[in-house]
C-alpha atoms as a PDB file:
ATOM      1  CA  MET A   1     144.741  29.966  58.438  1.00  0.00           C
ATOM      2  CA  PHE A   2     146.841  32.823  59.760  1.00  0.00           C
ATOM      3  CA  ALA A   3     146.621  31.364  63.251  1.00  0.00           C
ATOM      4  CA  THR A   4     147.960  28.046  61.982  1.00  0.00           C
ATOM      5  CA  ALA A   5     150.813  29.702  60.101  1.00  0.00           C
ATOM      6  CA  LEU A   6     151.599  31.893  63.093  1.00  0.00           C
ATOM      7  CA  GLU A   7     151.862  28.798  65.276  1.00  0.00           C
ATOM      8  CA  HIS A   8     154.508  27.358  62.928  1.00  0.00           C
ATOM      9  CA  VAL A   9     156.411  30.647  62.795  1.00  0.00           C
ATOM     10  CA  ARG A  10     156.463  30.968  66.557  1.00  0.00           C
ATOM     11  CA  GLY A  11     157.460  27.302  66.871  1.00  0.00           C
ATOM     12  CA  GLY A  12     160.410  27.791  64.515  1.00  0.00           C
ATOM     13  CA  LYS A  13     158.998  25.453  61.848  1.00  0.00           C
ATOM     14  CA  ALA A  14     158.379  28.230  59.296  1.00  0.00           C
ATOM     15  CA  VAL A  15     160.389  31.334  58.525  1.00  0.00           C
ATOM     16  CA  PRO A  16     158.380  34.142  56.924  1.00  0.00           C
ATOM     17  CA  MET A  17     160.055  36.511  54.491  1.00  0.00           C
ATOM     18  CA  ALA A  18     157.184  38.977  54.231  1.00  0.00           C
ATOM     19  CA  VAL A  19     153.453  39.251  54.734  1.00  0.00           C
ATOM     20  CA  GLY A  20     150.999  39.943  51.926  1.00  0.00           C
ATOM     21  CA  GLU A  21     149.774  43.142  53.536  1.00  0.00           C
ATOM     22  CA  PRO A  22     150.739  46.774  52.954  1.00  0.00           C
ATOM     23  CA  GLY A  23     152.826  46.730  56.143  1.00  0.00           C
ATOM     24  CA  ALA A  24     153.868  44.552  59.031  1.00  0.00           C
ATOM     25  CA  LEU A  25     151.190  42.852  61.106  1.00  0.00           C
ATOM     26  CA  THR A  26     150.798  43.407  64.823  1.00  0.00           C
ATOM     27  CA  ALA A  27     151.389  39.679  65.406  1.00  0.00           C
ATOM     28  CA  LEU A  28     154.594  39.745  63.332  1.00  0.00           C
ATOM     29  CA  PRO A  29     156.018  43.246  63.763  1.00  0.00           C
ATOM     30  CA  ASP A  30     159.504  42.300  62.531  1.00  0.00           C
ATOM     31  CA  ILE A  31     158.255  40.822  59.241  1.00  0.00           C
ATOM     32  CA  PRO A  32     157.740  43.511  56.575  1.00  0.00           C
ATOM     33  CA  GLY A  33     154.852  43.745  54.187  1.00  0.00           C
ATOM     34  CA  VAL A  34     155.916  42.873  50.641  1.00  0.00           C
ATOM     35  CA  ALA A  35     154.931  46.378  49.487  1.00  0.00           C
ATOM     36  CA  GLU A  36     157.497  47.820  51.880  1.00  0.00           C
ATOM     37  CA  THR A  37     160.313  46.300  49.806  1.00  0.00           C
ATOM     38  CA  VAL A  38     158.579  45.965  46.417  1.00  0.00           C
ATOM     39  CA  PRO A  39     156.777  49.261  45.762  1.00  0.00           C
ATOM     40  CA  GLY A  40     153.321  48.837  44.278  1.00  0.00           C
ATOM     41  CA  PHE A  41     153.061  45.169  45.181  1.00  0.00           C
ATOM     42  CA  GLU A  42     149.540  44.019  45.964  1.00  0.00           C
ATOM     43  CA  VAL A  43     148.334  40.522  46.669  1.00  0.00           C
ATOM     44  CA  ALA A  44     144.989  38.892  47.245  1.00  0.00           C
ATOM     45  CA  TRP A  45     144.943  35.152  47.833  1.00  0.00           C
ATOM     46  CA  VAL A  46     143.204  32.393  49.630  1.00  0.00           C
ATOM     47  CA  ALA A  47     144.782  29.139  50.745  1.00  0.00           C
ATOM     48  CA  ILE A  48     143.235  25.831  51.677  1.00  0.00           C
ATOM     49  CA  PHE A  49     145.375  23.521  53.766  1.00  0.00           C
ATOM     50  CA  VAL A  50     144.768  19.845  54.329  1.00  0.00           C
ATOM     51  CA  GLN A  51     146.577  17.228  56.347  1.00  0.00           C
ATOM     52  CA  ALA A  52     149.332  15.194  54.754  1.00  0.00           C
ATOM     53  CA  ARG A  53     148.091  12.028  53.070  1.00  0.00           C
ATOM     54  CA  THR A  54     144.610  13.466  52.440  1.00  0.00           C
ATOM     55  CA  PRO A  55     143.097  11.440  49.570  1.00  0.00           C
ATOM     56  CA  LYS A  56     143.706  13.184  46.245  1.00  0.00           C
ATOM     57  CA  ASP A  57     140.032  13.202  45.278  1.00  0.00           C
ATOM     58  CA  LEU A  58     139.233  15.210  48.422  1.00  0.00           C
ATOM     59  CA  VAL A  59     142.017  17.658  47.638  1.00  0.00           C
ATOM     60  CA  ARG A  60     141.089  18.017  43.963  1.00  0.00           C
ATOM     61  CA  ALA A  61     137.387  18.889  44.508  1.00  0.00           C
ATOM     62  CA  PRO A  62     137.889  22.311  46.173  1.00  0.00           C
ATOM     63  CA  GLU A  63     140.813  22.979  43.850  1.00  0.00           C
ATOM     64  CA  GLN A  64     138.595  22.487  40.790  1.00  0.00           C
ATOM     65  CA  GLY A  65     135.842  24.621  42.300  1.00  0.00           C
ATOM     66  CA  SER A  66     138.294  27.432  43.042  1.00  0.00           C
ATOM     67  CA  GLU A  67     139.697  27.290  39.517  1.00  0.00           C
ATOM     68  CA  ALA A  68     136.210  27.497  38.008  1.00  0.00           C
ATOM     69  CA  LEU A  69     135.306  30.444  40.214  1.00  0.00           C
ATOM     70  CA  LEU A  70     138.441  32.365  39.313  1.00  0.00           C
ATOM     71  CA  ARG A  71     137.782  31.827  35.597  1.00  0.00           C
ATOM     72  CA  ASP A  72     134.153  33.005  35.863  1.00  0.00           C
ATOM     73  CA  PRO A  73     133.964  36.507  34.328  1.00  0.00           C
ATOM     74  CA  GLU A  74     130.787  37.214  36.338  1.00  0.00           C
ATOM     75  CA  TRP A  75     132.622  36.754  39.611  1.00  0.00           C
END
């Protein structure tokens, strides 16, 4: 996913404000980590990207699975 996002940043299609890491990444040295400007900020996330016009039932299935997993107290 990072490689895809990086491609859009380098191509001028996306403009990052910060990265969800403690500090800047080697690939984006001029983009600060959020924690560098918001002390104590921590983030952990996962993203799933699909192509535009992907049928909604195909998009909803992993979304529902992710929601169930995040709500599972055993996880």
